[in-house]
Amino acid sequence: MPDLPDLPDRETREDASPQQADAARRRRRAQFLRDLAEARELRDRVQPRRARTARLRHAMRMRTFRW
């Protein structure tokens, strides 16, 4: 079973000030986005044909999108 990060108890979360809670949320979000970008880069390296197809599909979506 994978190791899960230690999450704060509900009481400690309620005791934290809103600024601290917001900063913690931003830190977790930034870490998640870094992990997501790293996973995308790895997938693109492992499956270059799929990555190229995804880039072309994204470019087509952007060309046909109406602002």
N, C-alpha and C. Protein backbone atom coordinates (compact mmCIF):
# COMPACT_ATOMS: atom_id res chain seq x y z
N MET A 1 0.85 -1.18 0.00
CA MET A 1 0.00 0.00 0.00
C MET A 1 0.89 1.25 0.00
N PRO A 2 0.59 2.25 -0.85
CA PRO A 2 1.45 3.44 -0.91
C PRO A 2 1.36 4.25 0.36
N ASP A 3 2.46 4.91 0.69
CA ASP A 3 2.47 5.78 1.86
C ASP A 3 1.69 7.05 1.55
N LEU A 4 0.75 7.35 2.40
CA LEU A 4 -0.04 8.56 2.23
C LEU A 4 0.57 9.68 3.06
N PRO A 5 0.49 10.90 2.58
CA PRO A 5 1.05 12.01 3.36
C PRO A 5 0.28 12.18 4.66
N ASP A 6 0.96 12.67 5.67
CA ASP A 6 0.30 12.92 6.95
C ASP A 6 -0.59 14.14 6.80
N LEU A 7 -1.87 13.92 6.96
CA LEU A 7 -2.82 15.02 6.87
C LEU A 7 -3.14 15.52 8.27
N PRO A 8 -3.29 16.81 8.42
CA PRO A 8 -3.59 17.34 9.76
C PRO A 8 -4.97 16.89 10.22
N ASP A 9 -5.13 16.75 11.53
CA ASP A 9 -6.43 16.39 12.08
C ASP A 9 -7.41 17.54 11.87
N ARG A 10 -8.67 17.21 11.96
CA ARG A 10 -9.70 18.23 11.75
C ARG A 10 -9.57 19.37 12.76
N GLU A 11 -9.22 19.05 14.03
CA GLU A 11 -9.11 20.10 15.04
C GLU A 11 -7.99 21.08 14.69
N THR A 12 -6.85 20.56 14.24
CA THR A 12 -5.74 21.45 13.92
C THR A 12 -6.08 22.31 12.72
N ARG A 13 -6.83 21.77 11.78
CA ARG A 13 -7.22 22.56 10.62
C ARG A 13 -8.15 23.69 11.03
N GLU A 14 -9.07 23.42 11.96
CA GLU A 14 -10.00 24.46 12.40
C GLU A 14 -9.29 25.50 13.25
N ASP A 15 -8.24 25.08 14.00
CA ASP A 15 -7.51 26.01 14.85
C ASP A 15 -6.62 26.95 14.04
N ALA A 16 -6.19 26.51 12.88
CA ALA A 16 -5.28 27.32 12.07
C ALA A 16 -6.00 28.58 11.58
N SER A 17 -5.24 29.65 11.48
CA SER A 17 -5.84 30.89 10.98
C SER A 17 -6.14 30.73 9.50
N PRO A 18 -7.07 31.52 8.99
CA PRO A 18 -7.41 31.41 7.57
C PRO A 18 -6.20 31.67 6.66
N GLN A 19 -5.30 32.54 7.08
CA GLN A 19 -4.12 32.83 6.26
C GLN A 19 -3.21 31.61 6.19
N GLN A 20 -3.03 30.92 7.34
CA GLN A 20 -2.19 29.73 7.34
C GLN A 20 -2.83 28.62 6.52
N ALA A 21 -4.14 28.47 6.64
CA ALA A 21 -4.84 27.43 5.88
C ALA A 21 -4.74 27.72 4.39
N ASP A 22 -4.87 28.99 4.03
CA ASP A 22 -4.78 29.37 2.62
C ASP A 22 -3.37 29.13 2.07
N ALA A 23 -2.37 29.45 2.88
CA ALA A 23 -0.99 29.22 2.45
C ALA A 23 -0.71 27.73 2.29
N ALA A 24 -1.24 26.93 3.20
CA ALA A 24 -1.05 25.48 3.12
C ALA A 24 -1.73 24.93 1.87
N ARG A 25 -2.93 25.45 1.59
CA ARG A 25 -3.66 25.01 0.39
C ARG A 25 -2.88 25.36 -0.87
N ARG A 26 -2.32 26.58 -0.90
CA ARG A 26 -1.53 27.00 -2.07
C ARG A 26 -0.29 26.14 -2.23
N ARG A 27 0.37 25.78 -1.10
CA ARG A 27 1.55 24.91 -1.17
C ARG A 27 1.18 23.53 -1.73
N ARG A 28 0.07 22.98 -1.23
CA ARG A 28 -0.36 21.66 -1.73
C ARG A 28 -0.71 21.73 -3.20
N ARG A 29 -1.38 22.80 -3.61
CA ARG A 29 -1.76 22.95 -5.02
C ARG A 29 -0.53 23.09 -5.91
N ALA A 30 0.45 23.88 -5.46
CA ALA A 30 1.69 24.05 -6.23
C ALA A 30 2.42 22.72 -6.37
N GLN A 31 2.47 21.94 -5.29
CA GLN A 31 3.12 20.63 -5.35
C GLN A 31 2.38 19.72 -6.32
N PHE A 32 1.05 19.74 -6.27
CA PHE A 32 0.26 18.92 -7.17
C PHE A 32 0.53 19.30 -8.62
N LEU A 33 0.56 20.61 -8.91
CA LEU A 33 0.79 21.05 -10.28
C LEU A 33 2.19 20.69 -10.75
N ARG A 34 3.19 20.75 -9.85
CA ARG A 34 4.54 20.31 -10.22
C ARG A 34 4.57 18.82 -10.56
N ASP A 35 3.90 18.03 -9.73
CA ASP A 35 3.85 16.58 -9.98
C ASP A 35 3.12 16.29 -11.28
N LEU A 36 2.06 17.02 -11.55
CA LEU A 36 1.30 16.82 -12.78
C LEU A 36 2.16 17.15 -14.01
N ALA A 37 2.88 18.26 -13.95
CA ALA A 37 3.75 18.64 -15.07
C ALA A 37 4.85 17.60 -15.27
N GLU A 38 5.40 17.10 -14.18
CA GLU A 38 6.45 16.07 -14.28
C GLU A 38 5.89 14.80 -14.91
N ALA A 39 4.68 14.41 -14.53
CA ALA A 39 4.06 13.22 -15.10
C ALA A 39 3.80 13.42 -16.59
N ARG A 40 3.35 14.62 -16.98
CA ARG A 40 3.13 14.90 -18.41
C ARG A 40 4.42 14.80 -19.21
N GLU A 41 5.51 15.38 -18.66
CA GLU A 41 6.79 15.33 -19.35
C GLU A 41 7.26 13.89 -19.51
N LEU A 42 7.10 13.10 -18.47
CA LEU A 42 7.49 11.69 -18.54
C LEU A 42 6.67 10.97 -19.59
N ARG A 43 5.37 11.20 -19.60
CA ARG A 43 4.51 10.54 -20.60
C ARG A 43 4.90 10.97 -22.01
N ASP A 44 5.21 12.25 -22.18
CA ASP A 44 5.60 12.73 -23.50
C ASP A 44 6.90 12.10 -23.96
N ARG A 45 7.83 11.86 -23.03
CA ARG A 45 9.09 11.21 -23.41
C ARG A 45 8.88 9.74 -23.74
N VAL A 46 8.00 9.10 -23.01
CA VAL A 46 7.79 7.66 -23.19
C VAL A 46 6.93 7.39 -24.42
N GLN A 47 5.99 8.27 -24.71
CA GLN A 47 5.07 8.06 -25.85
C GLN A 47 5.10 9.28 -26.77
N PRO A 48 6.18 9.44 -27.54
CA PRO A 48 6.29 10.66 -28.36
C PRO A 48 5.20 10.77 -29.43
N ARG A 49 4.75 9.67 -29.99
CA ARG A 49 3.72 9.76 -31.03
C ARG A 49 2.41 10.26 -30.43
N ARG A 50 2.06 9.75 -29.27
CA ARG A 50 0.83 10.21 -28.61
C ARG A 50 0.95 11.68 -28.21
N ALA A 51 2.13 12.08 -27.76
CA ALA A 51 2.34 13.47 -27.37
C ALA A 51 2.19 14.39 -28.58
N ARG A 52 2.75 13.98 -29.70
CA ARG A 52 2.64 14.79 -30.93
C ARG A 52 1.18 14.92 -31.35
N THR A 53 0.46 13.81 -31.31
CA THR A 53 -0.96 13.84 -31.66
C THR A 53 -1.73 14.76 -30.72
N ALA A 54 -1.41 14.70 -29.43
CA ALA A 54 -2.09 15.56 -28.46
C ALA A 54 -1.79 17.02 -28.73
N ARG A 55 -0.53 17.33 -29.09
CA ARG A 55 -0.18 18.72 -29.42
C ARG A 55 -0.95 19.20 -30.64
N LEU A 56 -1.03 18.37 -31.67
CA LEU A 56 -1.77 18.77 -32.87
C LEU A 56 -3.26 18.96 -32.57
N ARG A 57 -3.81 18.07 -31.77
CA ARG A 57 -5.22 18.17 -31.41
C ARG A 57 -5.48 19.45 -30.61
N HIS A 58 -4.57 19.75 -29.69
CA HIS A 58 -4.72 20.98 -28.90
C HIS A 58 -4.62 22.22 -29.79
N ALA A 59 -3.68 22.20 -30.74
CA ALA A 59 -3.53 23.34 -31.65
C ALA A 59 -4.80 23.52 -32.48
N MET A 60 -5.38 22.42 -32.93
CA MET A 60 -6.61 22.51 -33.72
C MET A 60 -7.75 23.08 -32.86
N ARG A 61 -7.83 22.65 -31.62
CA ARG A 61 -8.85 23.18 -30.72
C ARG A 61 -8.68 24.67 -30.52
N MET A 62 -7.44 25.12 -30.37
CA MET A 62 -7.18 26.54 -30.16
C MET A 62 -7.50 27.35 -31.41
N ARG A 63 -7.24 26.78 -32.59
CA ARG A 63 -7.55 27.52 -33.83
C ARG A 63 -9.04 27.67 -34.03
N THR A 64 -9.81 26.66 -33.63
CA THR A 64 -11.27 26.70 -33.90
C THR A 64 -12.06 27.31 -32.74
N PHE A 65 -11.38 27.61 -31.64
CA PHE A 65 -12.09 28.19 -30.48
C PHE A 65 -12.44 29.64 -30.76
N ARG A 66 -13.66 30.02 -30.44
CA ARG A 66 -14.06 31.42 -30.63
C ARG A 66 -14.02 32.16 -29.29
N TRP A 67 -13.31 33.24 -29.26
CA TRP A 67 -13.23 34.07 -28.06
C TRP A 67 -14.43 34.92 -28.04
